[in-house]
């Protein structure tokens, strides 16, 4: 490839608009960025009505309400993490 072609490409790349700053969300909060397992652990903790946070079904109920769902927020068992399927894959968070 000719050097002048590469220089032209660099000039054109510099004229592109800067990327917009991404919106803060649950995955980007904190210094480490997104780590799937810690996020799933936090969700499991706050969704578990018997966890020591004392929120009962408030978190899961609020989440279901945001989805406009009429599903009952009661769980038959605590949230389970990394549940193995018959195909050998894993479910991050099973409610």
PDB file of N, CA and C in Angstrom:
ATOM      1  N   UNK A   1       0.857  -1.180   0.000  1.00  0.00           N
ATOM      2  CA  UNK A   1       0.000   0.000   0.000  1.00  0.00           C
ATOM      3  C   UNK A   1       0.897   1.237   0.000  1.00  0.00           C
ATOM      4  N   UNK A   2       0.513   2.212  -0.748  1.00  0.00           N
ATOM      5  CA  UNK A   2       1.272   3.448  -0.905  1.00  0.00           C
ATOM      6  C   UNK A   2       1.174   4.306   0.362  1.00  0.00           C
ATOM      7  N   UNK A   3       2.275   4.909   0.776  1.00  0.00           N
ATOM      8  CA  UNK A   3       2.320   5.748   1.968  1.00  0.00           C
ATOM      9  C   UNK A   3       1.340   6.915   1.877  1.00  0.00           C
ATOM     10  N   UNK A   4       1.163   7.484   0.716  1.00  0.00           N
ATOM     11  CA  UNK A   4       0.241   8.620   0.563  1.00  0.00           C
ATOM     12  C   UNK A   4      -1.207   8.196   0.821  1.00  0.00           C
ATOM     13  N   UNK A   5      -1.518   6.957   0.482  1.00  0.00           N
ATOM     14  CA  UNK A   5      -2.871   6.440   0.746  1.00  0.00           C
ATOM     15  C   UNK A   5      -3.099   6.333   2.255  1.00  0.00           C
ATOM     16  N   UNK A   6      -2.105   5.847   2.986  1.00  0.00           N
ATOM     17  CA  UNK A   6      -2.215   5.743   4.441  1.00  0.00           C
ATOM     18  C   UNK A   6      -2.309   7.115   5.100  1.00  0.00           C
ATOM     19  N   UNK A   7      -1.530   8.066   4.614  1.00  0.00           N
ATOM     20  CA  UNK A   7      -1.600   9.420   5.157  1.00  0.00           C
ATOM     21  C   UNK A   7      -2.976  10.031   4.929  1.00  0.00           C
ATOM     22  N   UNK A   8      -3.522   9.821   3.756  1.00  0.00           N
ATOM     23  CA  UNK A   8      -4.869  10.325   3.451  1.00  0.00           C
ATOM     24  C   UNK A   8      -5.901   9.683   4.380  1.00  0.00           C
ATOM     25  N   UNK A   9      -5.741   8.397   4.634  1.00  0.00           N
ATOM     26  CA  UNK A   9      -6.652   7.695   5.541  1.00  0.00           C
ATOM     27  C   UNK A   9      -6.578   8.297   6.944  1.00  0.00           C
ATOM     28  N   UNK A  10      -5.386   8.560   7.434  1.00  0.00           N
ATOM     29  CA  UNK A  10      -5.229   9.175   8.755  1.00  0.00           C
ATOM     30  C   UNK A  10      -5.877  10.547   8.823  1.00  0.00           C
ATOM     31  N   UNK A  11      -5.726  11.324   7.795  1.00  0.00           N
ATOM     32  CA  UNK A  11      -6.344  12.655   7.747  1.00  0.00           C
ATOM     33  C   UNK A  11      -7.862  12.531   7.808  1.00  0.00           C
ATOM     34  N   UNK A  12      -8.395  11.589   7.057  1.00  0.00           N
ATOM     35  CA  UNK A  12      -9.852  11.397   7.038  1.00  0.00           C
ATOM     36  C   UNK A  12     -10.359  10.868   8.377  1.00  0.00           C
ATOM     37  N   UNK A  13      -9.585   9.996   9.025  1.00  0.00           N
ATOM     38  CA  UNK A  13      -9.980   9.475  10.333  1.00  0.00           C
ATOM     39  C   UNK A  13     -10.032  10.584  11.375  1.00  0.00           C
ATOM     40  N   UNK A  14      -9.094  11.524  11.309  1.00  0.00           N
ATOM     41  CA  UNK A  14      -9.073  12.641  12.262  1.00  0.00           C
ATOM     42  C   UNK A  14     -10.285  13.552  12.112  1.00  0.00           C
ATOM     43  N   UNK A  15     -10.904  13.545  10.942  1.00  0.00           N
ATOM     44  CA  UNK A  15     -12.062  14.414  10.718  1.00  0.00           C
ATOM     45  C   UNK A  15     -13.371  13.791  11.229  1.00  0.00           C
ATOM     46  N   UNK A  16     -13.320  12.535  11.644  1.00  0.00           N
ATOM     47  CA  UNK A  16     -14.529  11.892  12.174  1.00  0.00           C
ATOM     48  C   UNK A  16     -14.902  12.517  13.518  1.00  0.00           C
ATOM     49  N   UNK A  17     -16.200  12.594  13.826  1.00  0.00           N
ATOM     50  CA  UNK A  17     -16.606  13.167  15.118  1.00  0.00           C
ATOM     51  C   UNK A  17     -16.163  12.255  16.269  1.00  0.00           C
ATOM     52  N   UNK A  18     -15.891  12.880  17.416  1.00  0.00           N
ATOM     53  CA  UNK A  18     -15.486  12.121  18.603  1.00  0.00           C
ATOM     54  C   UNK A  18     -16.657  11.265  19.082  1.00  0.00           C
ATOM     55  N   UNK A  19     -16.337  10.123  19.624  1.00  0.00           N
ATOM     56  CA  UNK A  19     -17.369   9.235  20.160  1.00  0.00           C
ATOM     57  C   UNK A  19     -18.014   9.887  21.379  1.00  0.00           C
ATOM     58  N   UNK A  20     -19.320   9.725  21.495  1.00  0.00           N
ATOM     59  CA  UNK A  20     -20.034  10.265  22.650  1.00  0.00           C
ATOM     60  C   UNK A  20     -19.722   9.409  23.869  1.00  0.00           C
ATOM     61  N   UNK A  21     -19.670  10.051  25.028  1.00  0.00           N
ATOM     62  CA  UNK A  21     -19.432   9.330  26.271  1.00  0.00           C
ATOM     63  C   UNK A  21     -20.629   8.430  26.535  1.00  0.00           C
ATOM     64  N   UNK A  22     -20.356   7.177  26.906  1.00  0.00           N
ATOM     65  CA  UNK A  22     -21.453   6.235  27.129  1.00  0.00           C
ATOM     66  C   UNK A  22     -22.183   6.554  28.430  1.00  0.00           C
ATOM     67  N   UNK A  23     -23.434   6.172  28.471  1.00  0.00           N
ATOM     68  CA  UNK A  23     -24.283   6.407  29.631  1.00  0.00           C
ATOM     69  C   UNK A  23     -23.855   5.501  30.782  1.00  0.00           C
ATOM     70  N   UNK A  24     -23.867   6.024  31.987  1.00  0.00           N
ATOM     71  CA  UNK A  24     -23.549   5.228  33.161  1.00  0.00           C
ATOM     72  C   UNK A  24     -24.664   4.219  33.401  1.00  0.00           C
ATOM     73  N   UNK A  25     -24.277   2.974  33.658  1.00  0.00           N
ATOM     74  CA  UNK A  25     -25.266   1.930  33.940  1.00  0.00           C
ATOM     75  C   UNK A  25     -24.713   0.969  34.978  1.00  0.00           C
ATOM     76  N   UNK A  26     -25.478  -0.039  35.335  1.00  0.00           N
ATOM     77  CA  UNK A  26     -25.075  -0.984  36.374  1.00  0.00           C
ATOM     78  C   UNK A  26     -23.778  -1.705  36.019  1.00  0.00           C
ATOM     79  N   UNK A  27     -23.488  -1.863  34.732  1.00  0.00           N
ATOM     80  CA  UNK A  27     -22.292  -2.583  34.321  1.00  0.00           C
ATOM     81  C   UNK A  27     -21.041  -1.709  34.319  1.00  0.00           C
ATOM     82  N   UNK A  28     -21.208  -0.406  34.231  1.00  0.00           N
ATOM     83  CA  UNK A  28     -20.045   0.477  34.132  1.00  0.00           C
ATOM     84  C   UNK A  28     -19.681   1.160  35.445  1.00  0.00           C
ATOM     85  N   UNK A  29     -20.529   1.045  36.463  1.00  0.00           N
ATOM     86  CA  UNK A  29     -20.262   1.697  37.739  1.00  0.00           C
ATOM     87  C   UNK A  29     -19.103   0.982  38.433  1.00  0.00           C
ATOM     88  N   UNK A  30     -18.179   1.725  38.952  1.00  0.00           N
ATOM     89  CA  UNK A  30     -17.019   1.151  39.634  1.00  0.00           C
ATOM     90  C   UNK A  30     -15.792   1.233  38.756  1.00  0.00           C
ATOM     91  N   UNK A  31     -14.650   1.055  39.363  1.00  0.00           N
ATOM     92  CA  UNK A  31     -13.386   1.232  38.657  1.00  0.00           C
ATOM     93  C   UNK A  31     -13.048   0.083  37.726  1.00  0.00           C
ATOM     94  N   UNK A  32     -13.626  -1.085  37.927  1.00  0.00           N
ATOM     95  CA  UNK A  32     -13.219  -2.239  37.145  1.00  0.00           C
ATOM     96  C   UNK A  32     -14.005  -2.398  35.851  1.00  0.00           C
ATOM     97  N   UNK A  33     -15.062  -1.640  35.664  1.00  0.00           N
ATOM     98  CA  UNK A  33     -15.866  -1.820  34.458  1.00  0.00           C
ATOM     99  C   UNK A  33     -16.796  -3.012  34.613  1.00  0.00           C
ATOM    100  N   UNK A  34     -17.153  -3.631  33.512  1.00  0.00           N
ATOM    101  CA  UNK A  34     -18.125  -4.721  33.544  1.00  0.00           C
ATOM    102  C   UNK A  34     -17.449  -6.068  33.770  1.00  0.00           C
ATOM    103  N   UNK A  35     -17.828  -6.703  34.839  1.00  0.00           N
ATOM    104  CA  UNK A  35     -17.433  -8.081  35.117  1.00  0.00           C
ATOM    105  C   UNK A  35     -18.713  -8.851  35.398  1.00  0.00           C
ATOM    106  N   UNK A  36     -19.031  -9.774  34.529  1.00  0.00           N
ATOM    107  CA  UNK A  36     -20.317 -10.460  34.553  1.00  0.00           C
ATOM    108  C   UNK A  36     -20.601 -11.163  35.879  1.00  0.00           C
ATOM    109  N   UNK A  37     -19.661 -11.911  36.411  1.00  0.00           N
ATOM    110  CA  UNK A  37     -19.936 -12.678  37.622  1.00  0.00           C
ATOM    111  C   UNK A  37     -20.224 -11.809  38.844  1.00  0.00           C
ATOM    112  N   UNK A  38     -19.456 -10.765  39.121  1.00  0.00           N
ATOM    113  CA  UNK A  38     -19.811  -9.919  40.268  1.00  0.00           C
ATOM    114  C   UNK A  38     -21.185  -9.254  40.115  1.00  0.00           C
ATOM    115  N   UNK A  39     -21.534  -8.866  38.898  1.00  0.00           N
ATOM    116  CA  UNK A  39     -22.846  -8.258  38.665  1.00  0.00           C
ATOM    117  C   UNK A  39     -23.944  -9.282  38.936  1.00  0.00           C
ATOM    118  N   UNK A  40     -23.762 -10.509  38.443  1.00  0.00           N
ATOM    119  CA  UNK A  40     -24.759 -11.558  38.683  1.00  0.00           C
ATOM    120  C   UNK A  40     -24.852 -11.891  40.173  1.00  0.00           C
ATOM    121  N   UNK A  41     -23.710 -11.873  40.876  1.00  0.00           N
ATOM    122  CA  UNK A  41     -23.727 -12.111  42.325  1.00  0.00           C
ATOM    123  C   UNK A  41     -24.527 -11.032  43.045  1.00  0.00           C
ATOM    124  N   UNK A  42     -24.347  -9.769  42.639  1.00  0.00           N
ATOM    125  CA  UNK A  42     -25.114  -8.673  43.248  1.00  0.00           C
ATOM    126  C   UNK A  42     -26.605  -8.819  42.970  1.00  0.00           C
ATOM    127  N   UNK A  43     -26.951  -9.138  41.722  1.00  0.00           N
ATOM    128  CA  UNK A  43     -28.361  -9.328  41.388  1.00  0.00           C
ATOM    129  C   UNK A  43     -28.962 -10.469  42.201  1.00  0.00           C
ATOM    130  N   UNK A  44     -28.243 -11.585  42.302  1.00  0.00           N
ATOM    131  CA  UNK A  44     -28.734 -12.726  43.076  1.00  0.00           C
ATOM    132  C   UNK A  44     -28.968 -12.327  44.527  1.00  0.00           C
ATOM    133  N   UNK A  45     -28.047 -11.559  45.097  1.00  0.00           N
ATOM    134  CA  UNK A  45     -28.173 -11.116  46.485  1.00  0.00           C
ATOM    135  C   UNK A  45     -29.425 -10.273  46.687  1.00  0.00           C
ATOM    136  N   UNK A  46     -29.627  -9.258  45.833  1.00  0.00           N
ATOM    137  CA  UNK A  46     -30.756  -8.355  46.041  1.00  0.00           C
ATOM    138  C   UNK A  46     -32.093  -8.947  45.616  1.00  0.00           C
ATOM    139  N   UNK A  47     -32.077  -9.937  44.757  1.00  0.00           N
ATOM    140  CA  UNK A  47     -33.330 -10.593  44.354  1.00  0.00           C
ATOM    141  C   UNK A  47     -33.771 -11.635  45.380  1.00  0.00           C
ATOM    142  N   UNK A  48     -32.838 -12.154  46.158  1.00  0.00           N
ATOM    143  CA  UNK A  48     -33.160 -13.175  47.167  1.00  0.00           C
ATOM    144  C   UNK A  48     -33.917 -12.525  48.323  1.00  0.00           C
ATOM    145  N   UNK A  49     -35.197 -12.885  48.512  1.00  0.00           N
ATOM    146  CA  UNK A  49     -35.984 -12.243  49.578  1.00  0.00           C
ATOM    147  C   UNK A  49     -35.490 -12.602  50.979  1.00  0.00           C
ATOM    148  N   UNK A  50     -34.724 -13.679  51.116  1.00  0.00           N
ATOM    149  CA  UNK A  50     -34.241 -14.101  52.432  1.00  0.00           C
ATOM    150  C   UNK A  50     -32.827 -13.625  52.744  1.00  0.00           C
ATOM    151  N   UNK A  51     -32.218 -12.866  51.844  1.00  0.00           N
ATOM    152  CA  UNK A  51     -30.869 -12.341  52.073  1.00  0.00           C
ATOM    153  C   UNK A  51     -30.908 -11.299  53.194  1.00  0.00           C
ATOM    154  N   UNK A  52     -29.772 -11.042  53.829  1.00  0.00           N
ATOM    155  CA  UNK A  52     -29.768 -10.132  54.985  1.00  0.00           C
ATOM    156  C   UNK A  52     -30.034  -8.654  54.689  1.00  0.00           C
ATOM    157  N   UNK A  53     -30.327  -8.298  53.445  1.00  0.00           N
ATOM    158  CA  UNK A  53     -30.632  -6.900  53.143  1.00  0.00           C
ATOM    159  C   UNK A  53     -31.981  -6.477  53.706  1.00  0.00           C
ATOM    160  N   UNK A  54     -32.874  -7.421  53.979  1.00  0.00           N
ATOM    161  CA  UNK A  54     -34.168  -7.109  54.578  1.00  0.00           C
ATOM    162  C   UNK A  54     -35.187  -6.493  53.638  1.00  0.00           C
ATOM    163  N   UNK A  55     -34.952  -6.597  52.324  1.00  0.00           N
ATOM    164  CA  UNK A  55     -35.860  -5.988  51.348  1.00  0.00           C
ATOM    165  C   UNK A  55     -36.977  -6.918  50.887  1.00  0.00           C
ATOM    166  N   UNK A  56     -36.945  -8.171  51.350  1.00  0.00           N
ATOM    167  CA  UNK A  56     -37.937  -9.170  50.954  1.00  0.00           C
ATOM    168  C   UNK A  56     -37.998  -9.234  49.427  1.00  0.00           C
ATOM    169  N   UNK A  57     -39.185  -9.116  48.824  1.00  0.00           N
ATOM    170  CA  UNK A  57     -39.325  -9.228  47.356  1.00  0.00           C
ATOM    171  C   UNK A  57     -39.334  -7.868  46.659  1.00  0.00           C
ATOM    172  N   UNK A  58     -38.957  -6.807  47.370  1.00  0.00           N
ATOM    173  CA  UNK A  58     -39.038  -5.454  46.815  1.00  0.00           C
ATOM    174  C   UNK A  58     -38.246  -5.299  45.514  1.00  0.00           C
ATOM    175  N   UNK A  59     -37.012  -5.793  45.460  1.00  0.00           N
ATOM    176  CA  UNK A  59     -36.164  -5.598  44.278  1.00  0.00           C
ATOM    177  C   UNK A  59     -36.724  -6.359  43.079  1.00  0.00           C
ATOM    178  N   UNK A  60     -37.041  -7.629  43.280  1.00  0.00           N
ATOM    179  CA  UNK A  60     -37.601  -8.420  42.175  1.00  0.00           C
ATOM    180  C   UNK A  60     -38.965  -7.873  41.763  1.00  0.00           C
ATOM    181  N   UNK A  61     -39.782  -7.489  42.719  1.00  0.00           N
ATOM    182  CA  UNK A  61     -41.085  -6.917  42.405  1.00  0.00           C
ATOM    183  C   UNK A  61     -40.970  -5.633  41.596  1.00  0.00           C
ATOM    184  N   UNK A  62     -40.012  -4.765  41.970  1.00  0.00           N
ATOM    185  CA  UNK A  62     -39.799  -3.516  41.227  1.00  0.00           C
ATOM    186  C   UNK A  62     -39.317  -3.804  39.808  1.00  0.00           C
ATOM    187  N   UNK A  63     -38.420  -4.781  39.680  1.00  0.00           N
ATOM    188  CA  UNK A  63     -37.929  -5.161  38.353  1.00  0.00           C
ATOM    189  C   UNK A  63     -39.080  -5.674  37.488  1.00  0.00           C
ATOM    190  N   UNK A  64     -39.901  -6.542  38.034  1.00  0.00           N
ATOM    191  CA  UNK A  64     -41.033  -7.082  37.268  1.00  0.00           C
ATOM    192  C   UNK A  64     -42.028  -5.982  36.928  1.00  0.00           C
ATOM    193  N   UNK A  65     -42.213  -5.025  37.823  1.00  0.00           N
ATOM    194  CA  UNK A  65     -43.112  -3.904  37.551  1.00  0.00           C
ATOM    195  C   UNK A  65     -42.586  -3.055  36.394  1.00  0.00           C
ATOM    196  N   UNK A  66     -41.269  -2.869  36.330  1.00  0.00           N
ATOM    197  CA  UNK A  66     -40.669  -2.124  35.212  1.00  0.00           C
ATOM    198  C   UNK A  66     -40.917  -2.832  33.887  1.00  0.00           C
ATOM    199  N   UNK A  67     -41.025  -4.145  33.923  1.00  0.00           N
ATOM    200  CA  UNK A  67     -41.293  -4.929  32.713  1.00  0.00           C
ATOM    201  C   UNK A  67     -42.778  -4.996  32.394  1.00  0.00           C
ATOM    202  N   UNK A  68     -43.605  -4.314  33.192  1.00  0.00           N
ATOM    203  CA  UNK A  68     -45.062  -4.370  33.059  1.00  0.00           C
ATOM    204  C   UNK A  68     -45.548  -5.814  33.110  1.00  0.00           C
ATOM    205  N   UNK A  69     -45.018  -6.542  34.073  1.00  0.00           N
ATOM    206  CA  UNK A  69     -45.342  -7.960  34.219  1.00  0.00           C
ATOM    207  C   UNK A  69     -46.236  -8.168  35.435  1.00  0.00           C
ATOM    208  N   UNK A  70     -47.203  -9.043  35.304  1.00  0.00           N
ATOM    209  CA  UNK A  70     -48.077  -9.382  36.419  1.00  0.00           C
ATOM    210  C   UNK A  70     -47.589 -10.630  37.145  1.00  0.00           C
ATOM    211  N   UNK A  71     -46.334 -11.032  36.920  1.00  0.00           N
ATOM    212  CA  UNK A  71     -45.771 -12.215  37.548  1.00  0.00           C
ATOM    213  C   UNK A  71     -45.540 -11.948  39.029  1.00  0.00           C
ATOM    214  N   UNK A  72     -45.887 -12.911  39.863  1.00  0.00           N
ATOM    215  CA  UNK A  72     -45.674 -12.808  41.302  1.00  0.00           C
ATOM    216  C   UNK A  72     -44.175 -12.817  41.595  1.00  0.00           C
ATOM    217  N   UNK A  73     -43.721 -11.957  42.483  1.00  0.00           N
ATOM    218  CA  UNK A  73     -42.296 -11.843  42.790  1.00  0.00           C
ATOM    219  C   UNK A  73     -41.818 -12.874  43.805  1.00  0.00           C
ATOM    220  N   UNK A  74     -42.687 -13.780  44.236  1.00  0.00           N
ATOM    221  CA  UNK A  74     -42.274 -14.813  45.182  1.00  0.00           C
ATOM    222  C   UNK A  74     -41.424 -15.858  44.474  1.00  0.00           C
ATOM    223  N   UNK A  75     -40.371 -16.320  45.148  1.00  0.00           N
ATOM    224  CA  UNK A  75     -39.505 -17.357  44.601  1.00  0.00           C
ATOM    225  C   UNK A  75     -39.749 -18.665  45.345  1.00  0.00           C
ATOM    226  N   UNK A  76     -39.657 -19.783  44.627  1.00  0.00           N
ATOM    227  CA  UNK A  76     -39.797 -21.096  45.258  1.00  0.00           C
ATOM    228  C   UNK A  76     -38.520 -21.501  45.981  1.00  0.00           C
ATOM    229  N   UNK A  77     -37.387 -20.964  45.521  1.00  0.00           N
ATOM    230  CA  UNK A  77     -36.088 -21.239  46.138  1.00  0.00           C
ATOM    231  C   UNK A  77     -35.190 -20.026  45.898  1.00  0.00           C
ATOM    232  N   UNK A  78     -34.091 -19.932  46.637  1.00  0.00           N
ATOM    233  CA  UNK A  78     -33.196 -18.780  46.437  1.00  0.00           C
ATOM    234  C   UNK A  78     -32.623 -18.753  45.021  1.00  0.00           C
ATOM    235  N   UNK A  79     -32.233 -17.581  44.539  1.00  0.00           N
ATOM    236  CA  UNK A  79     -31.597 -17.498  43.220  1.00  0.00           C
ATOM    237  C   UNK A  79     -30.365 -18.403  43.183  1.00  0.00           C
ATOM    238  N   UNK A  80     -30.159 -19.072  42.066  1.00  0.00           N
ATOM    239  CA  UNK A  80     -29.005 -19.965  41.906  1.00  0.00           C
ATOM    240  C   UNK A  80     -28.082 -19.389  40.837  1.00  0.00           C
ATOM    241  N   UNK A  81     -26.769 -19.468  41.081  1.00  0.00           N
ATOM    242  CA  UNK A  81     -25.769 -18.931  40.163  1.00  0.00           C
ATOM    243  C   UNK A  81     -25.060 -20.056  39.434  1.00  0.00           C
ATOM    244  N   UNK A  82     -24.765 -19.823  38.150  1.00  0.00           N
ATOM    245  CA  UNK A  82     -23.970 -20.742  37.329  1.00  0.00           C
ATOM    246  C   UNK A  82     -24.543 -22.166  37.339  1.00  0.00           C
ATOM    247  N   UNK A  83     -25.834 -22.281  37.064  1.00  0.00           N
ATOM    248  CA  UNK A  83     -26.505 -23.580  37.044  1.00  0.00           C
ATOM    249  C   UNK A  83     -26.178 -24.301  35.734  1.00  0.00           C
ATOM    250  N   UNK A  84     -25.696 -25.532  35.841  1.00  0.00           N
ATOM    251  CA  UNK A  84     -25.302 -26.321  34.678  1.00  0.00           C
ATOM    252  C   UNK A  84     -26.554 -26.870  33.985  1.00  0.00           C
ATOM    253  N   UNK A  85     -26.584 -26.763  32.660  1.00  0.00           N
ATOM    254  CA  UNK A  85     -27.692 -27.307  31.878  1.00  0.00           C
ATOM    255  C   UNK A  85     -27.340 -28.703  31.385  1.00  0.00           C
ATOM    256  N   UNK A  86     -28.306 -29.385  30.786  1.00  0.00           N
ATOM    257  CA  UNK A  86     -28.063 -30.724  30.245  1.00  0.00           C
ATOM    258  C   UNK A  86     -27.073 -30.686  29.088  1.00  0.00           C
ATOM    259  N   UNK A  87     -26.967 -29.545  28.422  1.00  0.00           N
ATOM    260  CA  UNK A  87     -26.039 -29.416  27.292  1.00  0.00           C
ATOM    261  C   UNK A  87     -24.635 -29.008  27.733  1.00  0.00           C
ATOM    262  N   UNK A  88     -24.417 -28.853  29.038  1.00  0.00           N
ATOM    263  CA  UNK A  88     -23.097 -28.495  29.539  1.00  0.00           C
ATOM    264  C   UNK A  88     -22.822 -27.003  29.580  1.00  0.00           C
ATOM    265  N   UNK A  89     -23.809 -26.180  29.250  1.00  0.00           N
ATOM    266  CA  UNK A  89     -23.645 -24.732  29.364  1.00  0.00           C
ATOM    267  C   UNK A  89     -24.137 -24.304  30.744  1.00  0.00           C
ATOM    268  N   UNK A  90     -23.961 -23.032  31.062  1.00  0.00           N
ATOM    269  CA  UNK A  90     -24.380 -22.569  32.378  1.00  0.00           C
ATOM    270  C   UNK A  90     -25.339 -21.402  32.272  1.00  0.00           C
ATOM    271  N   UNK A  91     -26.274 -21.365  33.201  1.00  0.00           N
ATOM    272  CA  UNK A  91     -27.220 -20.245  33.343  1.00  0.00           C
ATOM    273  C   UNK A  91     -26.643 -19.316  34.397  1.00  0.00           C
ATOM    274  N   UNK A  92     -26.474 -18.033  34.060  1.00  0.00           N
ATOM    275  CA  UNK A  92     -25.861 -17.066  34.978  1.00  0.00           C
ATOM    276  C   UNK A  92     -26.641 -16.943  36.283  1.00  0.00           C
ATOM    277  N   UNK A  93     -27.934 -16.740  36.144  1.00  0.00           N
ATOM    278  CA  UNK A  93     -28.774 -16.500  37.310  1.00  0.00           C
ATOM    279  C   UNK A  93     -30.128 -17.139  37.080  1.00  0.00           C
ATOM    280  N   UNK A  94     -30.453 -18.147  37.862  1.00  0.00           N
ATOM    281  CA  UNK A  94     -31.712 -18.873  37.714  1.00  0.00           C
ATOM    282  C   UNK A  94     -32.642 -18.501  38.851  1.00  0.00           C
ATOM    283  N   UNK A  95     -33.831 -17.997  38.494  1.00  0.00           N
ATOM    284  CA  UNK A  95     -34.834 -17.642  39.510  1.00  0.00           C
ATOM    285  C   UNK A  95     -35.952 -18.664  39.460  1.00  0.00           C
TER     286      UNK A  95
END
